[in-house]
Amino acid sequence: MTQISFYILEQGTPETAERFCCRLAEKTRASRQRVYVHVVDDTQAARLDSLMWTFSQNSFVPHRRSDDRPADDRRTPILIGVGTPPDDFDEVLISLGGDVHPFFSRFAQHHEVVAPDRRNEARAAYRFYRDRGYELTTHRISAESD
């Protein structure tokens, strides 16, 4: 059963959530897991794509946008996308949207990054998962953690 974690950002903007997402993807990638980052729209995908190149001077986060990925690519460890992820991505899902995605249960882990302006959507998603018996973990992230 999918392990679901909510990362509640106590303060900040959508960019704060995107920066946290980059750090979370980097940390997850260090454990050699493939990560699908689900974003709200193409604009957010472009911002996150750019941010993953620049958010840390001390690291490199290998990634691609799903609309830029060749069909035969099996080496990309982190994929950023708006729609349904490719079949070969089923280890870790990081979501910035706050909504329940129809494909979430195929992932071993689901990390929901919740910016202050998306709390209502996240609450509804939390109830959805809880009511279906998923094990939920909540992490409160203070402004100093950014």
C-alpha atoms as a PDB file:
ATOM      1  CA  MET A   1       0.000   0.000   0.000  1.00  0.00           C
ATOM      2  CA  THR A   2       1.235   3.486  -0.868  1.00  0.00           C
ATOM      3  CA  GLN A   3       2.914   5.366   1.990  1.00  0.00           C
ATOM      4  CA  ILE A   4       1.625   8.951   1.987  1.00  0.00           C
ATOM      5  CA  SER A   5       3.389  11.907   3.590  1.00  0.00           C
ATOM      6  CA  PHE A   6       2.164  15.484   3.783  1.00  0.00           C
ATOM      7  CA  TYR A   7       4.762  18.259   4.066  1.00  0.00           C
ATOM      8  CA  ILE A   8       2.864  21.261   5.395  1.00  0.00           C
ATOM      9  CA  LEU A   9       4.764  24.497   4.816  1.00  0.00           C
ATOM     10  CA  GLU A  10       3.888  26.801   7.685  1.00  0.00           C
ATOM     11  CA  GLN A  11       4.726  29.965   5.730  1.00  0.00           C
ATOM     12  CA  GLY A  12       5.815  30.946   2.292  1.00  0.00           C
ATOM     13  CA  THR A  13       4.764  31.245  -1.312  1.00  0.00           C
ATOM     14  CA  PRO A  14       4.333  28.785  -4.157  1.00  0.00           C
ATOM     15  CA  GLU A  15       8.049  29.315  -4.868  1.00  0.00           C
ATOM     16  CA  THR A  16       8.811  28.191  -1.304  1.00  0.00           C
ATOM     17  CA  ALA A  17       6.949  24.959  -2.038  1.00  0.00           C
ATOM     18  CA  GLU A  18       8.828  24.551  -5.307  1.00  0.00           C
ATOM     19  CA  ARG A  19      12.188  25.012  -3.572  1.00  0.00           C
ATOM     20  CA  PHE A  20      11.203  22.480  -0.928  1.00  0.00           C
ATOM     21  CA  CYS A  21      10.128  20.117  -3.702  1.00  0.00           C
ATOM     22  CA  CYS A  22      13.597  20.410  -5.283  1.00  0.00           C
ATOM     23  CA  ARG A  23      15.269  19.522  -1.985  1.00  0.00           C
ATOM     24  CA  LEU A  24      12.879  16.613  -1.441  1.00  0.00           C
ATOM     25  CA  ALA A  25      13.503  15.305  -4.977  1.00  0.00           C
ATOM     26  CA  GLU A  26      17.254  15.614  -4.478  1.00  0.00           C
ATOM     27  CA  LYS A  27      17.110  13.750  -1.167  1.00  0.00           C
ATOM     28  CA  THR A  28      14.876  11.024  -2.606  1.00  0.00           C
ATOM     29  CA  ARG A  29      17.118  10.658  -5.650  1.00  0.00           C
ATOM     30  CA  ALA A  30      20.086  10.089  -3.335  1.00  0.00           C
ATOM     31  CA  SER A  31      18.427   6.807  -2.340  1.00  0.00           C
ATOM     32  CA  ARG A  32      18.402   5.805  -6.053  1.00  0.00           C
ATOM     33  CA  GLN A  33      14.636   5.945  -6.461  1.00  0.00           C
ATOM     34  CA  ARG A  34      12.898   7.328  -9.542  1.00  0.00           C
ATOM     35  CA  VAL A  35      10.730  10.354  -8.846  1.00  0.00           C
ATOM     36  CA  TYR A  36       7.728  11.747 -10.699  1.00  0.00           C
ATOM     37  CA  VAL A  37       6.992  15.361  -9.717  1.00  0.00           C
ATOM     38  CA  HIS A  38       3.376  16.194 -10.502  1.00  0.00           C
ATOM     39  CA  VAL A  39       2.755  19.915 -10.984  1.00  0.00           C
ATOM     40  CA  VAL A  40      -0.365  22.027 -11.475  1.00  0.00           C
ATOM     41  CA  ASP A  41       0.309  23.278 -15.011  1.00  0.00           C
ATOM     42  CA  ASP A  42       2.934  23.849 -17.701  1.00  0.00           C
ATOM     43  CA  THR A  43       3.934  27.185 -16.184  1.00  0.00           C
ATOM     44  CA  GLN A  44       4.791  25.541 -12.883  1.00  0.00           C
ATOM     45  CA  ALA A  45       6.588  22.736 -14.749  1.00  0.00           C
ATOM     46  CA  ALA A  46       8.787  25.330 -16.478  1.00  0.00           C
ATOM     47  CA  ARG A  47       9.535  27.132 -13.198  1.00  0.00           C
ATOM     48  CA  LEU A  48      10.408  23.886 -11.428  1.00  0.00           C
ATOM     49  CA  ASP A  49      12.555  22.723 -14.358  1.00  0.00           C
ATOM     50  CA  SER A  50      14.548  25.952 -14.167  1.00  0.00           C
ATOM     51  CA  LEU A  51      14.718  25.903 -10.375  1.00  0.00           C
ATOM     52  CA  MET A  52      16.133  22.363 -10.257  1.00  0.00           C
ATOM     53  CA  TRP A  53      19.146  23.659 -12.182  1.00  0.00           C
ATOM     54  CA  THR A  54      19.740  26.607  -9.851  1.00  0.00           C
ATOM     55  CA  PHE A  55      18.322  25.999  -6.359  1.00  0.00           C
ATOM     56  CA  SER A  56      21.612  24.686  -4.967  1.00  0.00           C
ATOM     57  CA  GLN A  57      25.133  25.535  -6.057  1.00  0.00           C
ATOM     58  CA  ASN A  58      26.474  22.382  -4.408  1.00  0.00           C
ATOM     59  CA  SER A  59      24.449  19.755  -6.220  1.00  0.00           C
ATOM     60  CA  PHE A  60      23.054  18.554  -9.503  1.00  0.00           C
ATOM     61  CA  VAL A  61      19.526  17.178  -9.721  1.00  0.00           C
ATOM     62  CA  PRO A  62      19.215  15.138 -12.932  1.00  0.00           C
ATOM     63  CA  HIS A  63      15.723  15.644 -14.301  1.00  0.00           C
ATOM     64  CA  ARG A  64      13.577  16.227 -17.365  1.00  0.00           C
ATOM     65  CA  ARG A  65      10.133  17.502 -18.166  1.00  0.00           C
ATOM     66  CA  SER A  66       7.796  14.711 -19.237  1.00  0.00           C
ATOM     67  CA  ASP A  67       6.914  16.525 -22.465  1.00  0.00           C
ATOM     68  CA  ASP A  68      10.643  16.602 -23.291  1.00  0.00           C
ATOM     69  CA  ARG A  69      11.388  12.929 -22.581  1.00  0.00           C
ATOM     70  CA  PRO A  70      12.096  10.508 -25.442  1.00  0.00           C
ATOM     71  CA  ALA A  71       9.839   7.433 -25.404  1.00  0.00           C
ATOM     72  CA  ASP A  72      12.818   5.071 -25.040  1.00  0.00           C
ATOM     73  CA  ASP A  73      14.420   6.973 -22.127  1.00  0.00           C
ATOM     74  CA  ARG A  74      14.945   4.649 -19.156  1.00  0.00           C
ATOM     75  CA  ARG A  75      17.690   6.608 -17.405  1.00  0.00           C
ATOM     76  CA  THR A  76      16.022   9.855 -16.340  1.00  0.00           C
ATOM     77  CA  PRO A  77      15.679   9.643 -12.539  1.00  0.00           C
ATOM     78  CA  ILE A  78      13.392  12.655 -11.949  1.00  0.00           C
ATOM     79  CA  LEU A  79      10.532  13.570 -14.246  1.00  0.00           C
ATOM     80  CA  ILE A  80       8.390  16.719 -13.978  1.00  0.00           C
ATOM     81  CA  GLY A  81       4.929  16.556 -15.484  1.00  0.00           C
ATOM     82  CA  VAL A  82       1.327  17.708 -15.524  1.00  0.00           C
ATOM     83  CA  GLY A  83      -0.465  14.550 -16.613  1.00  0.00           C
ATOM     84  CA  THR A  84      -0.281  10.843 -15.980  1.00  0.00           C
ATOM     85  CA  PRO A  85       3.297   9.642 -15.467  1.00  0.00           C
ATOM     86  CA  PRO A  86       4.883   7.078 -17.772  1.00  0.00           C
ATOM     87  CA  ASP A  87       4.452   3.426 -16.775  1.00  0.00           C
ATOM     88  CA  ASP A  88       8.089   3.075 -15.704  1.00  0.00           C
ATOM     89  CA  PHE A  89       7.695   5.693 -12.944  1.00  0.00           C
ATOM     90  CA  ASP A  90       6.107   4.082  -9.882  1.00  0.00           C
ATOM     91  CA  GLU A  91       8.529   4.492  -6.988  1.00  0.00           C
ATOM     92  CA  VAL A  92       8.060   8.037  -5.638  1.00  0.00           C
ATOM     93  CA  LEU A  93       5.417  10.641  -6.443  1.00  0.00           C
ATOM     94  CA  ILE A  94       5.918  14.239  -5.289  1.00  0.00           C
ATOM     95  CA  SER A  95       2.836  16.364  -5.807  1.00  0.00           C
ATOM     96  CA  LEU A  96       2.539  20.142  -5.635  1.00  0.00           C
ATOM     97  CA  GLY A  97      -1.132  20.295  -6.567  1.00  0.00           C
ATOM     98  CA  GLY A  98      -2.992  19.241  -3.442  1.00  0.00           C
ATOM     99  CA  ASP A  99      -5.478  17.154  -5.423  1.00  0.00           C
ATOM    100  CA  VAL A 100      -5.924  13.379  -5.418  1.00  0.00           C
ATOM    101  CA  HIS A 101      -4.491  11.960  -8.633  1.00  0.00           C
ATOM    102  CA  PRO A 102      -6.019   8.784 -10.110  1.00  0.00           C
ATOM    103  CA  PHE A 103      -2.547   7.233 -10.456  1.00  0.00           C
ATOM    104  CA  PHE A 104      -1.257   7.837  -6.887  1.00  0.00           C
ATOM    105  CA  SER A 105      -1.789   4.254  -5.690  1.00  0.00           C
ATOM    106  CA  ARG A 106       0.656   2.750  -8.163  1.00  0.00           C
ATOM    107  CA  PHE A 107       3.518   4.539  -6.369  1.00  0.00           C
ATOM    108  CA  ALA A 108       5.308   3.071  -3.353  1.00  0.00           C
ATOM    109  CA  GLN A 109       5.584   6.546  -1.789  1.00  0.00           C
ATOM    110  CA  HIS A 110       3.574   9.724  -2.269  1.00  0.00           C
ATOM    111  CA  HIS A 111       4.870  13.036  -0.907  1.00  0.00           C
ATOM    112  CA  GLU A 112       2.366  15.888  -0.919  1.00  0.00           C
ATOM    113  CA  VAL A 113       4.036  19.335  -0.623  1.00  0.00           C
ATOM    114  CA  VAL A 114       1.464  21.792   0.723  1.00  0.00           C
ATOM    115  CA  ALA A 115       1.993  25.543   0.345  1.00  0.00           C
ATOM    116  CA  PRO A 116      -0.117  27.757   2.642  1.00  0.00           C
ATOM    117  CA  ASP A 117      -2.419  28.726  -0.252  1.00  0.00           C
ATOM    118  CA  ARG A 118      -3.229  25.054  -1.013  1.00  0.00           C
ATOM    119  CA  ARG A 119      -4.237  23.864   2.453  1.00  0.00           C
ATOM    120  CA  ASN A 120      -7.939  23.418   1.647  1.00  0.00           C
ATOM    121  CA  GLU A 121      -7.157  21.078  -1.258  1.00  0.00           C
ATOM    122  CA  ALA A 122      -4.685  19.195   0.928  1.00  0.00           C
ATOM    123  CA  ARG A 123      -7.247  18.760   3.705  1.00  0.00           C
ATOM    124  CA  ALA A 124      -9.701  17.209   1.257  1.00  0.00           C
ATOM    125  CA  ALA A 125      -6.975  14.904  -0.077  1.00  0.00           C
ATOM    126  CA  TYR A 126      -5.966  13.933   3.474  1.00  0.00           C
ATOM    127  CA  ARG A 127      -9.573  12.945   4.273  1.00  0.00           C
ATOM    128  CA  PHE A 128      -9.787  10.961   1.036  1.00  0.00           C
ATOM    129  CA  TYR A 129      -6.652   8.923   1.840  1.00  0.00           C
ATOM    130  CA  ARG A 130      -7.552   8.502   5.520  1.00  0.00           C
ATOM    131  CA  ASP A 131     -11.058   7.274   4.715  1.00  0.00           C
ATOM    132  CA  ARG A 132      -9.565   4.593   2.470  1.00  0.00           C
ATOM    133  CA  GLY A 133      -7.172   3.302   5.126  1.00  0.00           C
ATOM    134  CA  TYR A 134      -3.863   4.693   3.900  1.00  0.00           C
ATOM    135  CA  GLU A 135      -1.140   5.258   6.476  1.00  0.00           C
ATOM    136  CA  LEU A 136      -0.543   9.009   6.625  1.00  0.00           C
ATOM    137  CA  THR A 137       2.390  10.964   7.989  1.00  0.00           C
ATOM    138  CA  THR A 138       2.383  14.730   8.450  1.00  0.00           C
ATOM    139  CA  HIS A 139       5.511  16.892   8.645  1.00  0.00           C
ATOM    140  CA  ARG A 140       5.238  20.570   9.543  1.00  0.00           C
ATOM    141  CA  ILE A 141       7.956  22.581   7.835  1.00  0.00           C
ATOM    142  CA  SER A 142       8.867  25.916   9.428  1.00  0.00           C
ATOM    143  CA  ALA A 143      10.134  28.940   7.514  1.00  0.00           C
ATOM    144  CA  GLU A 144      13.658  28.247   8.796  1.00  0.00           C
ATOM    145  CA  SER A 145      13.622  24.894   6.988  1.00  0.00           C
ATOM    146  CA  ASP A 146      13.412  26.647   3.633  1.00  0.00           C
END
